[in-house]
């Protein structure tokens, strides 16, 4: 059984059958709302949250009301409540302790794709035990690692390739970290923020600002969420190379120059999205197996560098505008829940 980390000394001020959850109430506004919980069924678990992680890229779009109407259905989180644009309860990086449920899970530390909420009841099949050698604090990165795994599968890095990852956010950094473990692969992590160099060093990958980035790459993986990053991907990839687009831009059009090298050099632009497993893996893989892999890969303590801050869950309504604002340089912000 994996032992939970210490999370604080504050006691809950509401009965066990009630929960506090963070809701986006209007674009760029949120609040904690109290809701009543039902009695768990025999095949359900009652989870008390220890930590949750903020996946800033997607959650920023949700918090700021920038989810396109065409994507309302596809962008639903597994246990989302409410509807886009608001009010909506959204999130998918929760780590907690099972206090009621099947004996095999009782008192275990588990990960669940659940929004920011201090207690919740879900089917037992919706949680996965956190491995004993992965701290609960780090397990909040599981959903981001899962996205990175899918991106690497879509990129299909091969022995000895030159690979560039544009965007040193959590997902981009994890993609670079994973690709660097393929024998002979040369990886460069690119970001406009030169302070991300320290993060890259901690993860064991090379770093460059856009003007320093190497040309003639076999594969460029774009994860910056900015159209300028995608334009640079077209400049960096070599003849007949491939570009993997992992960003989700939300509302608005993205202009890229397809009249230059894109056709003459026979470049490939491919989308990667965590909601779908690569087609050739589907006969053998499912989402639970992928998530188990993600949790197992979080054993590396170097990944703690991706946690850029921590605060009490109760502070989230006040902190959210800064965390999700345009000028934010947060990586994964971790929320701590009282016990």
Protein backbone atom coordinates (compact mmCIF):
# COMPACT_ATOMS: atom_id res chain seq x y z
CA UNK A 1 0.00 0.00 0.00
CA UNK A 2 1.35 3.44 -0.84
CA UNK A 3 1.47 5.72 2.17
CA UNK A 4 0.00 9.20 1.66
CA UNK A 5 2.19 12.23 2.26
CA UNK A 6 1.49 14.66 5.05
CA UNK A 7 -1.03 17.20 3.82
CA UNK A 8 -1.76 19.47 6.77
CA UNK A 9 -3.41 19.58 10.16
CA UNK A 10 -6.66 21.44 9.49
CA UNK A 11 -9.85 19.48 10.21
CA UNK A 12 -12.88 19.49 7.96
CA UNK A 13 -15.65 21.78 9.06
CA UNK A 14 -18.51 19.94 7.35
CA UNK A 15 -20.13 16.51 7.83
CA UNK A 16 -18.77 13.48 6.02
CA UNK A 17 -21.71 13.36 3.62
CA UNK A 18 -20.96 16.84 2.27
CA UNK A 19 -18.17 18.03 0.00
CA UNK A 20 -16.68 21.33 -1.12
CA UNK A 21 -15.86 21.65 -4.82
CA UNK A 22 -14.39 24.36 -7.04
CA UNK A 23 -16.76 25.65 -9.73
CA UNK A 24 -16.09 28.06 -12.58
CA UNK A 25 -19.10 30.34 -12.19
CA UNK A 26 -18.38 32.88 -14.95
CA UNK A 27 -15.44 33.42 -17.31
CA UNK A 28 -12.39 34.17 -15.13
CA UNK A 29 -14.36 33.67 -11.88
CA UNK A 30 -14.75 30.70 -9.56
CA UNK A 31 -15.95 29.75 -6.10
CA UNK A 32 -16.21 26.82 -3.70
CA UNK A 33 -19.66 25.24 -3.58
CA UNK A 34 -20.90 22.73 -1.06
CA UNK A 35 -22.77 19.65 -2.27
CA UNK A 36 -24.26 16.62 -0.59
CA UNK A 37 -22.85 13.16 -1.19
CA UNK A 38 -24.89 9.99 -1.46
CA UNK A 39 -24.19 6.76 0.42
CA UNK A 40 -21.60 4.67 -1.49
CA UNK A 41 -22.92 1.54 -3.17
CA UNK A 42 -21.10 -1.78 -2.79
CA UNK A 43 -19.15 -1.21 -6.00
CA UNK A 44 -18.21 2.42 -5.21
CA UNK A 45 -15.49 4.10 -3.19
CA UNK A 46 -15.61 7.12 -0.89
CA UNK A 47 -12.41 9.11 -1.39
CA UNK A 48 -10.99 11.83 0.82
CA UNK A 49 -8.75 14.02 -1.32
CA UNK A 50 -5.10 14.54 -0.37
CA UNK A 51 -3.92 16.56 -3.36
CA UNK A 52 -5.14 17.69 -6.75
CA UNK A 53 -3.11 19.16 -9.57
CA UNK A 54 -4.02 21.98 -11.91
CA UNK A 55 -3.45 21.11 -15.56
CA UNK A 56 -2.97 24.73 -16.55
CA UNK A 57 -3.26 24.48 -20.33
CA UNK A 58 -6.73 22.98 -20.63
CA UNK A 59 -8.01 24.33 -17.34
CA UNK A 60 -7.02 27.87 -18.35
CA UNK A 61 -9.28 27.60 -21.39
CA UNK A 62 -12.11 26.31 -19.21
CA UNK A 63 -11.64 28.95 -16.51
CA UNK A 64 -11.53 31.77 -19.04
CA UNK A 65 -14.57 30.53 -20.98
CA UNK A 66 -12.62 29.75 -24.15
CA UNK A 67 -13.92 26.25 -24.92
CA UNK A 68 -15.46 26.41 -28.43
CA UNK A 69 -19.11 25.40 -28.57
CA UNK A 70 -18.23 22.75 -31.15
CA UNK A 71 -16.03 21.06 -28.51
CA UNK A 72 -18.41 21.15 -25.55
CA UNK A 73 -19.08 17.41 -25.76
CA UNK A 74 -15.57 16.23 -26.62
CA UNK A 75 -13.96 18.33 -23.87
CA UNK A 76 -16.06 16.97 -21.02
CA UNK A 77 -13.95 15.62 -18.17
CA UNK A 78 -14.90 12.14 -16.85
CA UNK A 79 -16.67 13.47 -13.72
CA UNK A 80 -17.46 16.98 -14.85
CA UNK A 81 -20.62 18.61 -13.50
CA UNK A 82 -22.37 21.51 -15.17
CA UNK A 83 -21.92 22.63 -18.75
CA UNK A 84 -19.52 24.86 -20.66
CA UNK A 85 -18.94 27.72 -20.52
CA UNK A 86 -20.29 27.99 -16.93
CA UNK A 87 -21.13 27.11 -14.27
CA UNK A 88 -18.95 24.04 -14.52
CA UNK A 89 -16.93 21.80 -12.18
CA UNK A 90 -13.84 20.70 -14.08
CA UNK A 91 -10.53 18.94 -13.44
CA UNK A 92 -8.87 15.54 -13.70
CA UNK A 93 -5.82 15.26 -11.42
CA UNK A 94 -7.00 14.03 -7.99
CA UNK A 95 -5.12 11.88 -5.48
CA UNK A 96 -6.84 10.68 -2.33
CA UNK A 97 -7.32 7.97 0.26
CA UNK A 98 -10.17 5.44 0.04
CA UNK A 99 -12.14 5.59 3.31
CA UNK A 100 -15.07 3.37 2.25
CA UNK A 101 -15.26 0.76 -0.47
CA UNK A 102 -14.23 -2.77 -1.48
CA UNK A 103 -11.63 -4.29 0.86
CA UNK A 104 -9.03 -4.43 -1.91
CA UNK A 105 -9.01 -0.62 -2.06
CA UNK A 106 -9.78 0.33 1.52
CA UNK A 107 -7.17 2.73 2.98
CA UNK A 108 -5.25 2.76 -0.32
CA UNK A 109 -3.93 5.92 -1.95
CA UNK A 110 -5.55 6.25 -5.37
CA UNK A 111 -5.58 8.47 -8.44
CA UNK A 112 -8.83 9.52 -10.07
CA UNK A 113 -9.74 11.76 -13.02
CA UNK A 114 -11.91 13.91 -10.75
CA UNK A 115 -12.33 17.71 -10.42
CA UNK A 116 -11.01 19.78 -7.51
CA UNK A 117 -13.14 18.56 -4.60
CA UNK A 118 -12.33 17.51 -1.03
CA UNK A 119 -14.44 14.32 -0.95
CA UNK A 120 -16.19 12.30 -3.63
CA UNK A 121 -17.85 8.99 -4.44
CA UNK A 122 -17.07 7.20 -7.71
CA UNK A 123 -17.22 3.65 -9.07
CA UNK A 124 -14.34 1.55 -7.74
CA UNK A 125 -13.31 0.96 -11.34
CA UNK A 126 -12.64 4.70 -11.74
CA UNK A 127 -9.68 4.77 -9.35
CA UNK A 128 -6.21 3.27 -9.64
CA UNK A 129 -3.92 2.57 -6.73
CA UNK A 130 -0.84 4.76 -6.67
CA UNK A 131 2.30 2.56 -6.70
CA UNK A 132 4.08 2.31 -3.35
CA UNK A 133 7.23 3.92 -4.77
CA UNK A 134 5.37 6.99 -6.11
CA UNK A 135 4.65 9.74 -3.53
CA UNK A 136 1.06 10.99 -3.44
CA UNK A 137 2.40 14.52 -3.97
CA UNK A 138 3.91 13.53 -7.32
CA UNK A 139 0.98 11.37 -8.43
CA UNK A 140 -0.98 14.52 -9.38
CA UNK A 141 1.15 14.49 -12.57
CA UNK A 142 -0.45 11.23 -13.77
CA UNK A 143 -2.92 12.82 -16.19
CA UNK A 144 -0.17 14.98 -17.74
CA UNK A 145 2.09 11.95 -18.04
CA UNK A 146 -0.75 10.08 -19.73
CA UNK A 147 -1.06 12.89 -22.30
CA UNK A 148 2.70 12.85 -22.85
CA UNK A 149 2.70 9.08 -23.37
CA UNK A 150 0.02 9.41 -26.02
CA UNK A 151 2.02 12.16 -27.73
CA UNK A 152 5.15 10.03 -27.81
CA UNK A 153 3.16 7.11 -29.20
CA UNK A 154 1.86 9.38 -31.97
CA UNK A 155 5.34 10.77 -32.67
CA UNK A 156 6.88 7.27 -32.90
CA UNK A 157 10.48 8.31 -32.08
CA UNK A 158 13.03 5.98 -33.60
CA UNK A 159 16.58 5.09 -32.61
CA UNK A 160 19.02 7.89 -33.35
CA UNK A 161 16.50 10.54 -34.41
CA UNK A 162 16.79 14.28 -33.87
CA UNK A 163 13.67 15.48 -32.06
CA UNK A 164 12.64 18.96 -31.02
CA UNK A 165 9.85 19.67 -28.52
CA UNK A 166 8.45 23.21 -28.64
CA UNK A 167 6.84 24.38 -25.41
CA UNK A 168 8.34 23.63 -21.99
CA UNK A 169 5.07 23.41 -20.10
CA UNK A 170 4.32 20.26 -18.13
CA UNK A 171 3.25 18.17 -21.12
CA UNK A 172 6.02 19.38 -23.41
CA UNK A 173 8.65 18.81 -20.72
CA UNK A 174 7.34 15.29 -20.08
CA UNK A 175 7.37 14.49 -23.80
CA UNK A 176 11.00 15.62 -24.04
CA UNK A 177 11.84 13.61 -20.91
CA UNK A 178 10.30 10.44 -22.40
CA UNK A 179 11.84 10.87 -25.85
CA UNK A 180 15.29 11.39 -24.32
CA UNK A 181 15.11 7.85 -22.92
CA UNK A 182 15.01 6.30 -26.40
CA UNK A 183 18.57 5.14 -27.21
CA UNK A 184 20.46 7.45 -29.56
CA UNK A 185 17.72 10.09 -29.71
CA UNK A 186 18.86 13.71 -29.48
CA UNK A 187 16.20 15.87 -27.86
CA UNK A 188 16.00 19.64 -27.62
CA UNK A 189 13.34 21.37 -25.52
CA UNK A 190 12.49 24.85 -26.86
CA UNK A 191 10.73 27.66 -25.03
CA UNK A 192 10.59 31.45 -25.20
CA UNK A 193 11.12 31.57 -21.42
CA UNK A 194 14.87 31.13 -20.91
CA UNK A 195 14.25 30.27 -17.25
CA UNK A 196 12.91 26.92 -18.43
CA UNK A 197 16.55 25.93 -19.03
CA UNK A 198 16.85 24.94 -15.36
CA UNK A 199 13.81 22.66 -15.70
CA UNK A 200 15.31 21.01 -18.77
CA UNK A 201 18.59 20.45 -16.97
CA UNK A 202 16.81 18.81 -14.05
CA UNK A 203 15.03 16.48 -16.48
CA UNK A 204 18.24 15.66 -18.34
CA UNK A 205 17.37 17.20 -21.72
CA UNK A 206 18.99 19.97 -23.77
CA UNK A 207 17.32 23.39 -23.89
CA UNK A 208 17.17 26.20 -26.44
CA UNK A 209 15.33 29.45 -26.91
CA UNK A 210 13.58 29.76 -30.32
CA UNK A 211 16.50 31.60 -31.94
CA UNK A 212 18.91 28.89 -30.74
CA UNK A 213 16.86 25.90 -31.89
CA UNK A 214 18.49 23.38 -34.22
CA UNK A 215 17.26 22.94 -37.79
CA UNK A 216 16.74 19.80 -39.88
CA UNK A 217 14.88 17.86 -37.22
CA UNK A 218 13.42 14.44 -37.99
CA UNK A 219 10.42 15.17 -35.79
CA UNK A 220 9.10 18.30 -34.09
CA UNK A 221 6.49 17.94 -31.35
CA UNK A 222 4.57 21.15 -30.71
CA UNK A 223 3.08 21.71 -27.26
CA UNK A 224 3.29 25.47 -26.67
CA UNK A 225 -0.36 26.29 -27.37
CA UNK A 226 0.77 29.29 -29.42
CA UNK A 227 0.54 29.70 -33.20
CA UNK A 228 4.09 31.08 -33.25
CA UNK A 229 5.31 27.75 -31.92
CA UNK A 230 3.57 25.84 -34.70
CA UNK A 231 5.05 28.19 -37.29
CA UNK A 232 8.49 27.54 -35.87
CA UNK A 233 7.87 23.79 -36.02
CA UNK A 234 7.47 24.13 -39.79
CA UNK A 235 10.83 25.92 -39.93
CA UNK A 236 12.74 23.41 -37.81
CA UNK A 237 11.61 20.11 -39.33
CA UNK A 238 13.68 18.65 -42.16
CA UNK A 239 12.59 17.34 -45.57
CA UNK A 240 9.82 14.72 -45.27
CA UNK A 241 9.90 15.18 -41.50
CA UNK A 242 6.85 15.03 -39.26
CA UNK A 243 5.24 17.54 -36.94
CA UNK A 244 3.07 16.31 -34.07
CA UNK A 245 0.59 18.94 -32.87
CA UNK A 246 -0.27 18.43 -29.20
CA UNK A 247 -1.61 21.91 -28.46
CA UNK A 248 -5.28 22.69 -28.10
CA UNK A 249 -5.91 26.29 -29.10
CA UNK A 250 -9.51 26.71 -27.96
CA UNK A 251 -11.45 29.47 -29.69
CA UNK A 252 -9.89 31.50 -32.48
CA UNK A 253 -8.18 30.81 -35.79
CA UNK A 254 -4.53 29.81 -36.14
CA UNK A 255 -2.58 31.09 -39.15
CA UNK A 256 0.36 29.00 -40.36
CA UNK A 257 2.43 29.34 -43.57
CA UNK A 258 1.60 26.31 -45.70
CA UNK A 259 2.74 27.96 -48.92
CA UNK A 260 6.46 27.48 -48.26
CA UNK A 261 8.35 24.33 -47.32
CA UNK A 262 5.25 22.43 -46.19
CA UNK A 263 4.47 21.15 -49.73
CA UNK A 264 7.88 21.25 -51.36
CA UNK A 265 9.48 19.26 -48.53
CA UNK A 266 6.52 16.89 -48.17
CA UNK A 267 6.08 17.57 -44.46
CA UNK A 268 3.54 15.73 -42.31
CA UNK A 269 1.38 17.52 -39.74
CA UNK A 270 -0.41 15.14 -37.36
CA UNK A 271 -2.69 15.89 -34.41
CA UNK A 272 -2.27 14.09 -31.08
CA UNK A 273 -5.05 14.13 -28.51
CA UNK A 274 -5.18 12.14 -25.29
CA UNK A 275 -8.89 11.32 -25.72
CA UNK A 276 -8.04 8.72 -28.38
CA UNK A 277 -5.52 5.89 -28.25
CA UNK A 278 -3.44 5.47 -31.42
CA UNK A 279 -5.43 3.13 -33.66
CA UNK A 280 -2.73 0.48 -33.93
CA UNK A 281 -2.54 0.14 -30.12
CA UNK A 282 -6.27 -0.27 -29.49
CA UNK A 283 -6.33 -4.07 -29.85
CA UNK A 284 -3.94 -4.37 -26.89
CA UNK A 285 -4.28 -1.15 -24.88
CA UNK A 286 -7.13 0.59 -23.09
CA UNK A 287 -7.28 3.81 -21.07
CA UNK A 288 -6.75 2.05 -17.75
CA UNK A 289 -3.60 0.31 -18.95
CA UNK A 290 -2.27 3.63 -20.25
CA UNK A 291 -2.99 5.33 -16.90
CA UNK A 292 -1.28 2.50 -15.01
CA UNK A 293 1.78 3.06 -17.18
CA UNK A 294 1.65 6.80 -16.47
CA UNK A 295 1.55 6.23 -12.71
CA UNK A 296 4.44 3.76 -12.86
CA UNK A 297 6.61 6.26 -14.75
CA UNK A 298 6.27 8.84 -11.97
CA UNK A 299 8.81 6.98 -9.84
CA UNK A 300 11.58 9.38 -10.98
CA UNK A 301 12.11 12.06 -8.33
CA UNK A 302 13.41 14.47 -11.00
CA UNK A 303 9.78 14.95 -12.03
CA UNK A 304 9.18 16.95 -8.85
CA UNK A 305 10.67 19.87 -10.80
CA UNK A 306 7.35 20.08 -12.68
CA UNK A 307 5.52 21.13 -9.50
CA UNK A 308 5.99 24.89 -9.48
CA UNK A 309 3.86 25.75 -6.45
CA UNK A 310 1.47 24.50 -3.80
CA UNK A 311 -1.39 26.09 -1.90
CA UNK A 312 -4.38 25.19 0.23
CA UNK A 313 -7.48 24.10 -1.68
CA UNK A 314 -9.52 26.79 0.09
CA UNK A 315 -7.34 29.45 -1.56
CA UNK A 316 -8.17 28.37 -5.11
CA UNK A 317 -10.98 30.89 -5.81
CA UNK A 318 -8.60 33.73 -4.93
CA UNK A 319 -5.58 32.25 -6.71
CA UNK A 320 -7.34 31.08 -9.88
CA UNK A 321 -7.25 34.40 -11.81
CA UNK A 322 -3.47 34.53 -11.37
CA UNK A 323 -2.88 30.82 -12.03
CA UNK A 324 -4.97 30.89 -15.21
CA UNK A 325 -4.04 34.38 -16.37
CA UNK A 326 -2.14 35.13 -19.58
CA UNK A 327 1.03 36.09 -17.73
CA UNK A 328 1.20 32.94 -15.64
CA UNK A 329 4.41 30.91 -15.81
CA UNK A 330 3.15 28.14 -13.52
CA UNK A 331 3.86 24.55 -14.45
CA UNK A 332 1.74 22.18 -12.32
CA UNK A 333 0.27 23.94 -9.29
CA UNK A 334 -0.59 21.48 -6.55
CA UNK A 335 -3.54 21.94 -4.20
CA UNK A 336 -3.27 20.58 -0.67
CA UNK A 337 -6.36 19.40 1.21
CA UNK A 338 -6.77 19.33 5.01
CA UNK A 339 -7.07 16.06 6.91
